[in-house]
Each structure stands twice: as structure tokens, then as C-alpha cells.
Amino acid sequence: RDRFMGEVNDFEEMLVASGIYLIKFYLSITREEQAKRFEMVRKNAMKKWQLSSVDEQAQKLWESYTKYREKMADRTDTECAPWVVIDANDSAAAHQHAMRHVLDTIPYERDDTPVSI
């Protein structure tokens, strides 16, 4: 963990200097929303497999995870590779926000040709 924290900023700076577009998203949900989502997955036979032992501990370790997340964000939020924090309590809105950020950040030639489905 200490090695990562000591090297990640230099690594990210090297990537950006090489012409790579680096976007770091942090999808933030509340503790209550996380609990609600875990319960929905637990009740769904088709999705139950998605829960891991780490997920099972997440609610108990919320404060600890939050402390380390904040520490990581403080140390790795740089001018060349800032964190983009998105409120993800509403999944659809979070995905739209992330896609809008990508489209606003990375230059591309727009093609407005209608697509037939």
C-alpha cells in the first residue's frame, strides 16, 4: 500500500505525458444505498453470486474504508490526473454523468449520421 501510494502519482503523470487520457472516477454512494443494493442482490438468485466476502464486510468496515478512501484521494488527486467524484446513488444518472465527462474530456470527431437499428 505504501509503495503504491509513493509511486502512483509519478506513474499517472508519465501516462498523461505520453498522451494517454487518464480519467479517474470515484462513484460515491451512501452507506444506506450500499446496504439497499446488497440486500437486493442477496434476494436475487441470478445475482447472488456477485456478492463476495469483502462485500459482506463492507457495512461493518464503512468507517475504516472511508478513512482510507479519503487518504488515497488526498494523496492521488493531482492536477494531471484529478479524481472525478460522482454521486452514484442514482445509477443511471451516474452513468450518464460519467459518459458526459468522457465525451467532454477526450477530443473526437463528431458523427451525427443517424444510426438505424
PDB file of N, CA and C in Angstrom:
ATOM      1  N   ARG A   1       0.830  -1.193   0.000  1.00  0.00           N
ATOM      2  CA  ARG A   1       0.000   0.000   0.000  1.00  0.00           C
ATOM      3  C   ARG A   1       0.869   1.250   0.000  1.00  0.00           C
ATOM      4  N   ASP A   2       1.900   1.280   0.835  1.00  0.00           N
ATOM      5  CA  ASP A   2       2.774   2.450   0.871  1.00  0.00           C
ATOM      6  C   ASP A   2       3.541   2.612  -0.439  1.00  0.00           C
ATOM      7  N   ARG A   3       3.966   1.505  -1.013  1.00  0.00           N
ATOM      8  CA  ARG A   3       4.687   1.576  -2.286  1.00  0.00           C
ATOM      9  C   ARG A   3       3.785   2.148  -3.377  1.00  0.00           C
ATOM     10  N   PHE A   4       2.564   1.637  -3.443  1.00  0.00           N
ATOM     11  CA  PHE A   4       1.607   2.146  -4.424  1.00  0.00           C
ATOM     12  C   PHE A   4       1.416   3.645  -4.263  1.00  0.00           C
ATOM     13  N   MET A   5       1.149   4.084  -3.036  1.00  0.00           N
ATOM     14  CA  MET A   5       0.892   5.499  -2.787  1.00  0.00           C
ATOM     15  C   MET A   5       2.109   6.349  -3.122  1.00  0.00           C
ATOM     16  N   GLY A   6       3.304   5.791  -2.986  1.00  0.00           N
ATOM     17  CA  GLY A   6       4.521   6.534  -3.307  1.00  0.00           C
ATOM     18  C   GLY A   6       4.821   6.602  -4.793  1.00  0.00           C
ATOM     19  N   GLU A   7       4.247   5.689  -5.571  1.00  0.00           N
ATOM     20  CA  GLU A   7       4.585   5.618  -6.997  1.00  0.00           C
ATOM     21  C   GLU A   7       3.461   5.997  -7.942  1.00  0.00           C
ATOM     22  N   VAL A   8       2.229   5.946  -7.478  1.00  0.00           N
ATOM     23  CA  VAL A   8       1.100   6.111  -8.391  1.00  0.00           C
ATOM     24  C   VAL A   8       1.075   7.474  -9.076  1.00  0.00           C
ATOM     25  N   ASN A   9       1.372   8.548  -8.367  1.00  0.00           N
ATOM     26  CA  ASN A   9       1.312   9.872  -8.989  1.00  0.00           C
ATOM     27  C   ASN A   9       2.340  10.014 -10.110  1.00  0.00           C
ATOM     28  N   ASP A  10       3.561   9.514  -9.893  1.00  0.00           N
ATOM     29  CA  ASP A  10       4.581   9.562 -10.952  1.00  0.00           C
ATOM     30  C   ASP A  10       4.158   8.724 -12.144  1.00  0.00           C
ATOM     31  N   PHE A  11       3.581   7.552 -11.875  1.00  0.00           N
ATOM     32  CA  PHE A  11       3.125   6.673 -12.952  1.00  0.00           C
ATOM     33  C   PHE A  11       2.029   7.348 -13.770  1.00  0.00           C
ATOM     34  N   GLU A  12       1.046   7.927 -13.085  1.00  0.00           N
ATOM     35  CA  GLU A  12      -0.045   8.602 -13.787  1.00  0.00           C
ATOM     36  C   GLU A  12       0.468   9.794 -14.584  1.00  0.00           C
ATOM     37  N   GLU A  13       1.404  10.539 -14.026  1.00  0.00           N
ATOM     38  CA  GLU A  13       1.993  11.679 -14.738  1.00  0.00           C
ATOM     39  C   GLU A  13       2.707  11.204 -16.008  1.00  0.00           C
ATOM     40  N   MET A  14       3.393  10.073 -15.925  1.00  0.00           N
ATOM     41  CA  MET A  14       4.067   9.502 -17.088  1.00  0.00           C
ATOM     42  C   MET A  14       3.043   9.115 -18.163  1.00  0.00           C
ATOM     43  N   LEU A  15       1.948   8.517 -17.757  1.00  0.00           N
ATOM     44  CA  LEU A  15       0.911   8.136 -18.719  1.00  0.00           C
ATOM     45  C   LEU A  15       0.366   9.364 -19.445  1.00  0.00           C
ATOM     46  N   VAL A  16       0.027  10.393 -18.676  1.00  0.00           N
ATOM     47  CA  VAL A  16      -0.537  11.617 -19.255  1.00  0.00           C
ATOM     48  C   VAL A  16       0.487  12.299 -20.165  1.00  0.00           C
ATOM     49  N   ALA A  17       1.754  12.340 -19.747  1.00  0.00           N
ATOM     50  CA  ALA A  17       2.813  12.942 -20.564  1.00  0.00           C
ATOM     51  C   ALA A  17       3.009  12.175 -21.875  1.00  0.00           C
ATOM     52  N   SER A  18       2.618  10.907 -21.875  1.00  0.00           N
ATOM     53  CA  SER A  18       2.738  10.076 -23.078  1.00  0.00           C
ATOM     54  C   SER A  18       1.541  10.240 -24.006  1.00  0.00           C
ATOM     55  N   GLY A  19       0.597  11.094 -23.632  1.00  0.00           N
ATOM     56  CA  GLY A  19      -0.558  11.352 -24.491  1.00  0.00           C
ATOM     57  C   GLY A  19      -1.791  10.529 -24.158  1.00  0.00           C
ATOM     58  N   ILE A  20      -1.754   9.806 -23.075  1.00  0.00           N
ATOM     59  CA  ILE A  20      -2.901   8.989 -22.661  1.00  0.00           C
ATOM     60  C   ILE A  20      -3.878   9.867 -21.885  1.00  0.00           C
ATOM     61  N   TYR A  21      -5.155   9.724 -22.210  1.00  0.00           N
ATOM     62  CA  TYR A  21      -6.198  10.415 -21.447  1.00  0.00           C
ATOM     63  C   TYR A  21      -6.526   9.539 -20.252  1.00  0.00           C
ATOM     64  N   LEU A  22      -6.240  10.039 -19.078  1.00  0.00           N
ATOM     65  CA  LEU A  22      -6.465   9.287 -17.849  1.00  0.00           C
ATOM     66  C   LEU A  22      -7.598   9.949 -17.078  1.00  0.00           C
ATOM     67  N   ILE A  23      -8.680   9.209 -16.914  1.00  0.00           N
ATOM     68  CA  ILE A  23      -9.825   9.715 -16.168  1.00  0.00           C
ATOM     69  C   ILE A  23     -10.057   8.758 -15.009  1.00  0.00           C
ATOM     70  N   LYS A  24     -10.049   9.315 -13.801  1.00  0.00           N
ATOM     71  CA  LYS A  24     -10.257   8.506 -12.598  1.00  0.00           C
ATOM     72  C   LYS A  24     -11.616   8.876 -12.004  1.00  0.00           C
ATOM     73  N   PHE A  25     -12.530   7.922 -12.036  1.00  0.00           N
ATOM     74  CA  PHE A  25     -13.855   8.130 -11.467  1.00  0.00           C
ATOM     75  C   PHE A  25     -13.936   7.483 -10.090  1.00  0.00           C
ATOM     76  N   TYR A  26     -14.570   8.173  -9.176  1.00  0.00           N
ATOM     77  CA  TYR A  26     -14.950   7.568  -7.909  1.00  0.00           C
ATOM     78  C   TYR A  26     -16.467   7.692  -7.826  1.00  0.00           C
ATOM     79  N   LEU A  27     -17.148   6.548  -7.884  1.00  0.00           N
ATOM     80  CA  LEU A  27     -18.603   6.531  -7.812  1.00  0.00           C
ATOM     81  C   LEU A  27     -18.991   6.411  -6.345  1.00  0.00           C
ATOM     82  N   SER A  28     -19.508   7.487  -5.808  1.00  0.00           N
ATOM     83  CA  SER A  28     -19.785   7.592  -4.381  1.00  0.00           C
ATOM     84  C   SER A  28     -21.246   7.275  -4.078  1.00  0.00           C
ATOM     85  N   ILE A  29     -21.447   6.331  -3.168  1.00  0.00           N
ATOM     86  CA  ILE A  29     -22.802   6.038  -2.698  1.00  0.00           C
ATOM     87  C   ILE A  29     -22.824   6.147  -1.185  1.00  0.00           C
ATOM     88  N   THR A  30     -23.996   6.335  -0.651  1.00  0.00           N
ATOM     89  CA  THR A  30     -24.135   6.406   0.796  1.00  0.00           C
ATOM     90  C   THR A  30     -24.132   4.993   1.382  1.00  0.00           C
ATOM     91  N   ARG A  31     -23.882   4.933   2.652  1.00  0.00           N
ATOM     92  CA  ARG A  31     -23.896   3.644   3.358  1.00  0.00           C
ATOM     93  C   ARG A  31     -25.271   2.984   3.225  1.00  0.00           C
ATOM     94  N   GLU A  32     -26.310   3.797   3.316  1.00  0.00           N
ATOM     95  CA  GLU A  32     -27.684   3.292   3.229  1.00  0.00           C
ATOM     96  C   GLU A  32     -27.956   2.706   1.844  1.00  0.00           C
ATOM     97  N   GLU A  33     -27.491   3.408   0.813  1.00  0.00           N
ATOM     98  CA  GLU A  33     -27.701   2.924  -0.554  1.00  0.00           C
ATOM     99  C   GLU A  33     -26.936   1.624  -0.783  1.00  0.00           C
ATOM    100  N   GLN A  34     -25.720   1.547  -0.258  1.00  0.00           N
ATOM    101  CA  GLN A  34     -24.939   0.314  -0.406  1.00  0.00           C
ATOM    102  C   GLN A  34     -25.676  -0.856   0.254  1.00  0.00           C
ATOM    103  N   ALA A  35     -26.181  -0.638   1.448  1.00  0.00           N
ATOM    104  CA  ALA A  35     -26.916  -1.697   2.159  1.00  0.00           C
ATOM    105  C   ALA A  35     -28.138  -2.128   1.360  1.00  0.00           C
ATOM    106  N   LYS A  36     -28.856  -1.164   0.797  1.00  0.00           N
ATOM    107  CA  LYS A  36     -30.040  -1.460  -0.008  1.00  0.00           C
ATOM    108  C   LYS A  36     -29.666  -2.294  -1.239  1.00  0.00           C
ATOM    109  N   ARG A  37     -28.591  -1.935  -1.902  1.00  0.00           N
ATOM    110  CA  ARG A  37     -28.160  -2.674  -3.096  1.00  0.00           C
ATOM    111  C   ARG A  37     -27.702  -4.084  -2.745  1.00  0.00           C
ATOM    112  N   PHE A  38     -26.967  -4.215  -1.655  1.00  0.00           N
ATOM    113  CA  PHE A  38     -26.532  -5.553  -1.242  1.00  0.00           C
ATOM    114  C   PHE A  38     -27.745  -6.431  -0.951  1.00  0.00           C
ATOM    115  N   GLU A  39     -28.739  -5.874  -0.290  1.00  0.00           N
ATOM    116  CA  GLU A  39     -29.941  -6.643   0.033  1.00  0.00           C
ATOM    117  C   GLU A  39     -30.671  -7.064  -1.246  1.00  0.00           C
ATOM    118  N   MET A  40     -30.741  -6.178  -2.219  1.00  0.00           N
ATOM    119  CA  MET A  40     -31.391  -6.518  -3.497  1.00  0.00           C
ATOM    120  C   MET A  40     -30.644  -7.659  -4.195  1.00  0.00           C
ATOM    121  N   VAL A  41     -29.331  -7.629  -4.153  1.00  0.00           N
ATOM    122  CA  VAL A  41     -28.531  -8.690  -4.778  1.00  0.00           C
ATOM    123  C   VAL A  41     -28.727  -9.998  -4.012  1.00  0.00           C
ATOM    124  N   ARG A  42     -28.728  -9.939  -2.694  1.00  0.00           N
ATOM    125  CA  ARG A  42     -28.917 -11.147  -1.880  1.00  0.00           C
ATOM    126  C   ARG A  42     -30.247 -11.844  -2.209  1.00  0.00           C
ATOM    127  N   LYS A  43     -31.268 -11.056  -2.490  1.00  0.00           N
ATOM    128  CA  LYS A  43     -32.603 -11.601  -2.749  1.00  0.00           C
ATOM    129  C   LYS A  43     -32.775 -12.088  -4.183  1.00  0.00           C
ATOM    130  N   ASN A  44     -31.830 -11.775  -5.051  1.00  0.00           N
ATOM    131  CA  ASN A  44     -31.949 -12.140  -6.461  1.00  0.00           C
ATOM    132  C   ASN A  44     -31.075 -13.368  -6.749  1.00  0.00           C
ATOM    133  N   ALA A  45     -31.722 -14.497  -6.993  1.00  0.00           N
ATOM    134  CA  ALA A  45     -30.991 -15.750  -7.230  1.00  0.00           C
ATOM    135  C   ALA A  45     -30.017 -15.642  -8.400  1.00  0.00           C
ATOM    136  N   MET A  46     -30.324 -14.806  -9.381  1.00  0.00           N
ATOM    137  CA  MET A  46     -29.456 -14.655 -10.559  1.00  0.00           C
ATOM    138  C   MET A  46     -28.241 -13.774 -10.275  1.00  0.00           C
ATOM    139  N   LYS A  47     -28.276 -13.008  -9.195  1.00  0.00           N
ATOM    140  CA  LYS A  47     -27.182 -12.081  -8.903  1.00  0.00           C
ATOM    141  C   LYS A  47     -26.429 -12.403  -7.613  1.00  0.00           C
ATOM    142  N   LYS A  48     -26.956 -13.325  -6.826  1.00  0.00           N
ATOM    143  CA  LYS A  48     -26.359 -13.661  -5.532  1.00  0.00           C
ATOM    144  C   LYS A  48     -24.858 -13.917  -5.610  1.00  0.00           C
ATOM    145  N   TRP A  49     -24.443 -14.539  -6.679  1.00  0.00           N
ATOM    146  CA  TRP A  49     -23.030 -14.903  -6.861  1.00  0.00           C
ATOM    147  C   TRP A  49     -22.130 -13.668  -6.899  1.00  0.00           C
ATOM    148  N   GLN A  50     -22.695 -12.503  -7.180  1.00  0.00           N
ATOM    149  CA  GLN A  50     -21.892 -11.283  -7.293  1.00  0.00           C
ATOM    150  C   GLN A  50     -21.347 -10.800  -5.946  1.00  0.00           C
ATOM    151  N   LEU A  51     -21.963 -11.206  -4.857  1.00  0.00           N
ATOM    152  CA  LEU A  51     -21.502 -10.770  -3.541  1.00  0.00           C
ATOM    153  C   LEU A  51     -20.311 -11.607  -3.085  1.00  0.00           C
ATOM    154  N   SER A  52     -19.284 -10.911  -2.627  1.00  0.00           N
ATOM    155  CA  SER A  52     -18.088 -11.597  -2.132  1.00  0.00           C
ATOM    156  C   SER A  52     -18.006 -11.422  -0.614  1.00  0.00           C
ATOM    157  N   SER A  53     -17.033 -12.081  -0.013  1.00  0.00           N
ATOM    158  CA  SER A  53     -16.830 -11.923   1.427  1.00  0.00           C
ATOM    159  C   SER A  53     -16.436 -10.485   1.761  1.00  0.00           C
ATOM    160  N   VAL A  54     -15.738  -9.815   0.831  1.00  0.00           N
ATOM    161  CA  VAL A  54     -15.373  -8.404   1.032  1.00  0.00           C
ATOM    162  C   VAL A  54     -16.643  -7.549   1.092  1.00  0.00           C
ATOM    163  N   ASP A  55     -17.575  -7.829   0.186  1.00  0.00           N
ATOM    164  CA  ASP A  55     -18.848  -7.100   0.196  1.00  0.00           C
ATOM    165  C   ASP A  55     -19.589  -7.319   1.516  1.00  0.00           C
ATOM    166  N   GLU A  56     -19.558  -8.547   2.002  1.00  0.00           N
ATOM    167  CA  GLU A  56     -20.256  -8.864   3.245  1.00  0.00           C
ATOM    168  C   GLU A  56     -19.700  -8.055   4.423  1.00  0.00           C
ATOM    169  N   GLN A  57     -18.425  -7.689   4.371  1.00  0.00           N
ATOM    170  CA  GLN A  57     -17.792  -6.919   5.445  1.00  0.00           C
ATOM    171  C   GLN A  57     -17.925  -5.405   5.252  1.00  0.00           C
ATOM    172  N   ALA A  58     -18.343  -4.981   4.073  1.00  0.00           N
ATOM    173  CA  ALA A  58     -18.326  -3.560   3.711  1.00  0.00           C
ATOM    174  C   ALA A  58     -19.082  -2.668   4.697  1.00  0.00           C
ATOM    175  N   GLN A  59     -20.241  -3.081   5.113  1.00  0.00           N
ATOM    176  CA  GLN A  59     -21.027  -2.250   6.029  1.00  0.00           C
ATOM    177  C   GLN A  59     -20.348  -2.140   7.394  1.00  0.00           C
ATOM    178  N   LYS A  60     -19.782  -3.247   7.851  1.00  0.00           N
ATOM    179  CA  LYS A  60     -19.105  -3.234   9.157  1.00  0.00           C
ATOM    180  C   LYS A  60     -17.847  -2.369   9.120  1.00  0.00           C
ATOM    181  N   LEU A  61     -17.202  -2.333   7.964  1.00  0.00           N
ATOM    182  CA  LEU A  61     -15.929  -1.610   7.834  1.00  0.00           C
ATOM    183  C   LEU A  61     -16.084  -0.249   7.163  1.00  0.00           C
ATOM    184  N   TRP A  62     -17.297   0.264   7.085  1.00  0.00           N
ATOM    185  CA  TRP A  62     -17.572   1.509   6.366  1.00  0.00           C
ATOM    186  C   TRP A  62     -16.658   2.659   6.803  1.00  0.00           C
ATOM    187  N   GLU A  63     -16.543   2.877   8.103  1.00  0.00           N
ATOM    188  CA  GLU A  63     -15.724   3.987   8.595  1.00  0.00           C
ATOM    189  C   GLU A  63     -14.254   3.802   8.221  1.00  0.00           C
ATOM    190  N   SER A  64     -13.769   2.590   8.358  1.00  0.00           N
ATOM    191  CA  SER A  64     -12.375   2.299   8.015  1.00  0.00           C
ATOM    192  C   SER A  64     -12.133   2.501   6.515  1.00  0.00           C
ATOM    193  N   TYR A  65     -13.025   1.968   5.696  1.00  0.00           N
ATOM    194  CA  TYR A  65     -12.907   2.147   4.244  1.00  0.00           C
ATOM    195  C   TYR A  65     -12.938   3.627   3.885  1.00  0.00           C
ATOM    196  N   THR A  66     -13.837   4.371   4.527  1.00  0.00           N
ATOM    197  CA  THR A  66     -13.959   5.804   4.245  1.00  0.00           C
ATOM    198  C   THR A  66     -12.667   6.536   4.581  1.00  0.00           C
ATOM    199  N   LYS A  67     -12.067   6.191   5.712  1.00  0.00           N
ATOM    200  CA  LYS A  67     -10.810   6.819   6.110  1.00  0.00           C
ATOM    201  C   LYS A  67      -9.722   6.577   5.061  1.00  0.00           C
ATOM    202  N   TYR A  68      -9.579   5.336   4.617  1.00  0.00           N
ATOM    203  CA  TYR A  68      -8.550   5.009   3.629  1.00  0.00           C
ATOM    204  C   TYR A  68      -8.873   5.596   2.251  1.00  0.00           C
ATOM    205  N   ARG A  69     -10.156   5.629   1.890  1.00  0.00           N
ATOM    206  CA  ARG A  69     -10.548   6.235   0.617  1.00  0.00           C
ATOM    207  C   ARG A  69     -10.179   7.715   0.611  1.00  0.00           C
ATOM    208  N   GLU A  70     -10.471   8.404   1.699  1.00  0.00           N
ATOM    209  CA  GLU A  70     -10.152   9.833   1.790  1.00  0.00           C
ATOM    210  C   GLU A  70      -8.645  10.065   1.744  1.00  0.00           C
ATOM    211  N   LYS A  71      -7.894   9.222   2.427  1.00  0.00           N
ATOM    212  CA  LYS A  71      -6.435   9.325   2.416  1.00  0.00           C
ATOM    213  C   LYS A  71      -5.892   9.104   0.998  1.00  0.00           C
ATOM    214  N   MET A  72      -6.391   8.082   0.330  1.00  0.00           N
ATOM    215  CA  MET A  72      -5.976   7.782  -1.038  1.00  0.00           C
ATOM    216  C   MET A  72      -6.326   8.937  -1.972  1.00  0.00           C
ATOM    217  N   ALA A  73      -7.538   9.456  -1.848  1.00  0.00           N
ATOM    218  CA  ALA A  73      -7.965  10.553  -2.707  1.00  0.00           C
ATOM    219  C   ALA A  73      -7.110  11.794  -2.474  1.00  0.00           C
ATOM    220  N   ASP A  74      -6.829  12.106  -1.223  1.00  0.00           N
ATOM    221  CA  ASP A  74      -5.997  13.271  -0.902  1.00  0.00           C
ATOM    222  C   ASP A  74      -4.604  13.151  -1.526  1.00  0.00           C
ATOM    223  N   ARG A  75      -4.043  11.966  -1.492  1.00  0.00           N
ATOM    224  CA  ARG A  75      -2.673  11.777  -1.977  1.00  0.00           C
ATOM    225  C   ARG A  75      -2.576  11.564  -3.485  1.00  0.00           C
ATOM    226  N   THR A  76      -3.681  11.199  -4.127  1.00  0.00           N
ATOM    227  CA  THR A  76      -3.601  10.878  -5.559  1.00  0.00           C
ATOM    228  C   THR A  76      -4.444  11.790  -6.441  1.00  0.00           C
ATOM    229  N   ASP A  77      -5.035  12.813  -5.877  1.00  0.00           N
ATOM    230  CA  ASP A  77      -5.801  13.790  -6.662  1.00  0.00           C
ATOM    231  C   ASP A  77      -4.818  14.870  -7.108  1.00  0.00           C
ATOM    232  N   THR A  78      -4.367  14.766  -8.349  1.00  0.00           N
ATOM    233  CA  THR A  78      -3.344  15.684  -8.848  1.00  0.00           C
ATOM    234  C   THR A  78      -3.877  16.502 -10.007  1.00  0.00           C
ATOM    235  N   GLU A  79      -3.148  17.542 -10.364  1.00  0.00           N
ATOM    236  CA  GLU A  79      -3.570  18.391 -11.475  1.00  0.00           C
ATOM    237  C   GLU A  79      -3.623  17.605 -12.783  1.00  0.00           C
ATOM    238  N   CYS A  80      -2.653  16.731 -13.002  1.00  0.00           N
ATOM    239  CA  CYS A  80      -2.623  15.992 -14.273  1.00  0.00           C
ATOM    240  C   CYS A  80      -3.585  14.804 -14.264  1.00  0.00           C
ATOM    241  N   ALA A  81      -3.971  14.323 -13.092  1.00  0.00           N
ATOM    242  CA  ALA A  81      -4.877  13.177 -13.008  1.00  0.00           C
ATOM    243  C   ALA A  81      -5.808  13.340 -11.799  1.00  0.00           C
ATOM    244  N   PRO A  82      -6.763  14.268 -11.925  1.00  0.00           N
ATOM    245  CA  PRO A  82      -7.664  14.501 -10.793  1.00  0.00           C
ATOM    246  C   PRO A  82      -8.738  13.414 -10.696  1.00  0.00           C
ATOM    247  N   TRP A  83      -9.267  13.252  -9.506  1.00  0.00           N
ATOM    248  CA  TRP A  83     -10.405  12.369  -9.326  1.00  0.00           C
ATOM    249  C   TRP A  83     -11.680  13.086  -9.740  1.00  0.00           C
ATOM    250  N   VAL A  84     -12.568  12.378 -10.387  1.00  0.00           N
ATOM    251  CA  VAL A  84     -13.898  12.878 -10.714  1.00  0.00           C
ATOM    252  C   VAL A  84     -14.850  12.100  -9.809  1.00  0.00           C
ATOM    253  N   VAL A  85     -15.409  12.798  -8.836  1.00  0.00           N
ATOM    254  CA  VAL A  85     -16.312  12.156  -7.887  1.00  0.00           C
ATOM    255  C   VAL A  85     -17.737  12.323  -8.389  1.00  0.00           C
ATOM    256  N   ILE A  86     -18.432  11.201  -8.489  1.00  0.00           N
ATOM    257  CA  ILE A  86     -19.803  11.205  -8.998  1.00  0.00           C
ATOM    258  C   ILE A  86     -20.727  10.615  -7.944  1.00  0.00           C
ATOM    259  N   ASP A  87     -21.794  11.334  -7.645  1.00  0.00           N
ATOM    260  CA  ASP A  87     -22.831  10.811  -6.756  1.00  0.00           C
ATOM    261  C   ASP A  87     -23.516   9.676  -7.509  1.00  0.00           C
ATOM    262  N   ALA A  88     -23.374   8.458  -6.996  1.00  0.00           N
ATOM    263  CA  ALA A  88     -23.878   7.289  -7.704  1.00  0.00           C
ATOM    264  C   ALA A  88     -25.063   6.631  -7.017  1.00  0.00           C
ATOM    265  N   ASN A  89     -25.735   7.355  -6.129  1.00  0.00           N
ATOM    266  CA  ASN A  89     -26.935   6.784  -5.528  1.00  0.00           C
ATOM    267  C   ASN A  89     -27.983   6.495  -6.594  1.00  0.00           C
ATOM    268  N   ASP A  90     -28.016   7.287  -7.644  1.00  0.00           N
ATOM    269  CA  ASP A  90     -28.872   7.040  -8.807  1.00  0.00           C
ATOM    270  C   ASP A  90     -27.959   6.494  -9.900  1.00  0.00           C
ATOM    271  N   SER A  91     -28.000   5.191 -10.124  1.00  0.00           N
ATOM    272  CA  SER A  91     -27.074   4.530 -11.058  1.00  0.00           C
ATOM    273  C   SER A  91     -27.152   5.101 -12.467  1.00  0.00           C
ATOM    274  N   ALA A  92     -28.350   5.272 -12.981  1.00  0.00           N
ATOM    275  CA  ALA A  92     -28.499   5.758 -14.352  1.00  0.00           C
ATOM    276  C   ALA A  92     -27.916   7.161 -14.506  1.00  0.00           C
ATOM    277  N   ALA A  93     -28.200   8.039 -13.556  1.00  0.00           N
ATOM    278  CA  ALA A  93     -27.659   9.403 -13.613  1.00  0.00           C
ATOM    279  C   ALA A  93     -26.135   9.375 -13.489  1.00  0.00           C
ATOM    280  N   ALA A  94     -25.610   8.487 -12.664  1.00  0.00           N
ATOM    281  CA  ALA A  94     -24.156   8.381 -12.507  1.00  0.00           C
ATOM    282  C   ALA A  94     -23.498   7.944 -13.808  1.00  0.00           C
ATOM    283  N   HIS A  95     -24.090   6.964 -14.481  1.00  0.00           N
ATOM    284  CA  HIS A  95     -23.534   6.506 -15.759  1.00  0.00           C
ATOM    285  C   HIS A  95     -23.581   7.617 -16.804  1.00  0.00           C
ATOM    286  N   GLN A  96     -24.667   8.362 -16.827  1.00  0.00           N
ATOM    287  CA  GLN A  96     -24.774   9.481 -17.768  1.00  0.00           C
ATOM    288  C   GLN A  96     -23.723  10.546 -17.463  1.00  0.00           C
ATOM    289  N   HIS A  97     -23.529  10.847 -16.205  1.00  0.00           N
ATOM    290  CA  HIS A  97     -22.537  11.839 -15.799  1.00  0.00           C
ATOM    291  C   HIS A  97     -21.138  11.394 -16.240  1.00  0.00           C
ATOM    292  N   ALA A  98     -20.828  10.126 -16.017  1.00  0.00           N
ATOM    293  CA  ALA A  98     -19.510   9.602 -16.399  1.00  0.00           C
ATOM    294  C   ALA A  98     -19.318   9.671 -17.916  1.00  0.00           C
ATOM    295  N   MET A  99     -20.314   9.263 -18.660  1.00  0.00           N
ATOM    296  CA  MET A  99     -20.192   9.304 -20.129  1.00  0.00           C
ATOM    297  C   MET A  99     -20.058  10.742 -20.627  1.00  0.00           C
ATOM    298  N   ARG A 100     -20.800  11.661 -20.043  1.00  0.00           N
ATOM    299  CA  ARG A 100     -20.709  13.067 -20.435  1.00  0.00           C
ATOM    300  C   ARG A 100     -19.297  13.577 -20.148  1.00  0.00           C
ATOM    301  N   HIS A 101     -18.733  13.204 -19.024  1.00  0.00           N
ATOM    302  CA  HIS A 101     -17.382  13.636 -18.680  1.00  0.00           C
ATOM    303  C   HIS A 101     -16.363  13.094 -19.691  1.00  0.00           C
ATOM    304  N   VAL A 102     -16.502  11.834 -20.050  1.00  0.00           N
ATOM    305  CA  VAL A 102     -15.592  11.239 -21.047  1.00  0.00           C
ATOM    306  C   VAL A 102     -15.714  11.985 -22.372  1.00  0.00           C
ATOM    307  N   LEU A 103     -16.933  12.217 -22.808  1.00  0.00           N
ATOM    308  CA  LEU A 103     -17.146  12.903 -24.088  1.00  0.00           C
ATOM    309  C   LEU A 103     -16.662  14.347 -24.061  1.00  0.00           C
ATOM    310  N   ASP A 104     -16.744  14.992 -22.906  1.00  0.00           N
ATOM    311  CA  ASP A 104     -16.276  16.369 -22.779  1.00  0.00           C
ATOM    312  C   ASP A 104     -14.756  16.453 -22.635  1.00  0.00           C
ATOM    313  N   THR A 105     -14.119  15.364 -22.235  1.00  0.00           N
ATOM    314  CA  THR A 105     -12.689  15.371 -21.953  1.00  0.00           C
ATOM    315  C   THR A 105     -11.841  14.922 -23.132  1.00  0.00           C
ATOM    316  N   ILE A 106     -12.282  13.898 -23.817  1.00  0.00           N
ATOM    317  CA  ILE A 106     -11.488  13.313 -24.895  1.00  0.00           C
ATOM    318  C   ILE A 106     -11.964  13.864 -26.237  1.00  0.00           C
ATOM    319  N   PRO A 107     -11.057  14.506 -26.991  1.00  0.00           N
ATOM    320  CA  PRO A 107     -11.479  15.057 -28.280  1.00  0.00           C
ATOM    321  C   PRO A 107     -11.806  13.944 -29.277  1.00  0.00           C
ATOM    322  N   TYR A 108     -12.832  14.180 -30.066  1.00  0.00           N
ATOM    323  CA  TYR A 108     -13.234  13.211 -31.089  1.00  0.00           C
ATOM    324  C   TYR A 108     -13.960  13.956 -32.193  1.00  0.00           C
ATOM    325  N   GLU A 109     -13.992  13.324 -33.361  1.00  0.00           N
ATOM    326  CA  GLU A 109     -14.755  13.900 -34.454  1.00  0.00           C
ATOM    327  C   GLU A 109     -16.181  13.424 -34.334  1.00  0.00           C
ATOM    328  N   ARG A 110     -17.068  14.366 -34.234  1.00  0.00           N
ATOM    329  CA  ARG A 110     -18.468  14.037 -34.063  1.00  0.00           C
ATOM    330  C   ARG A 110     -19.050  13.532 -35.370  1.00  0.00           C
ATOM    331  N   ASP A 111     -19.819  12.480 -35.297  1.00  0.00           N
ATOM    332  CA  ASP A 111     -20.501  11.923 -36.479  1.00  0.00           C
ATOM    333  C   ASP A 111     -21.981  11.874 -36.151  1.00  0.00           C
ATOM    334  N   ASP A 112     -22.735  12.782 -36.758  1.00  0.00           N
ATOM    335  CA  ASP A 112     -24.161  12.857 -36.474  1.00  0.00           C
ATOM    336  C   ASP A 112     -25.004  12.030 -37.445  1.00  0.00           C
ATOM    337  N   THR A 113     -24.352  11.104 -38.141  1.00  0.00           N
ATOM    338  CA  THR A 113     -25.078  10.256 -39.069  1.00  0.00           C
ATOM    339  C   THR A 113     -26.066   9.401 -38.294  1.00  0.00           C
ATOM    340  N   PRO A 114     -27.340   9.424 -38.701  1.00  0.00           N
ATOM    341  CA  PRO A 114     -28.321   8.603 -37.999  1.00  0.00           C
ATOM    342  C   PRO A 114     -27.955   7.120 -38.065  1.00  0.00           C
ATOM    343  N   VAL A 115     -28.183   6.441 -36.980  1.00  0.00           N
ATOM    344  CA  VAL A 115     -27.909   5.013 -36.924  1.00  0.00           C
ATOM    345  C   VAL A 115     -29.231   4.281 -36.955  1.00  0.00           C
ATOM    346  N   SER A 116     -29.340   3.315 -37.860  1.00  0.00           N
ATOM    347  CA  SER A 116     -30.591   2.535 -37.900  1.00  0.00           C
ATOM    348  C   SER A 116     -30.387   1.250 -37.125  1.00  0.00           C
ATOM    349  N   ILE A 117     -31.388   0.932 -36.369  1.00  0.00           N
ATOM    350  CA  ILE A 117     -31.308  -0.264 -35.508  1.00  0.00           C
ATOM    351  C   ILE A 117     -32.203  -1.338 -36.039  1.00  0.00           C
TER     352      ILE A 117
END
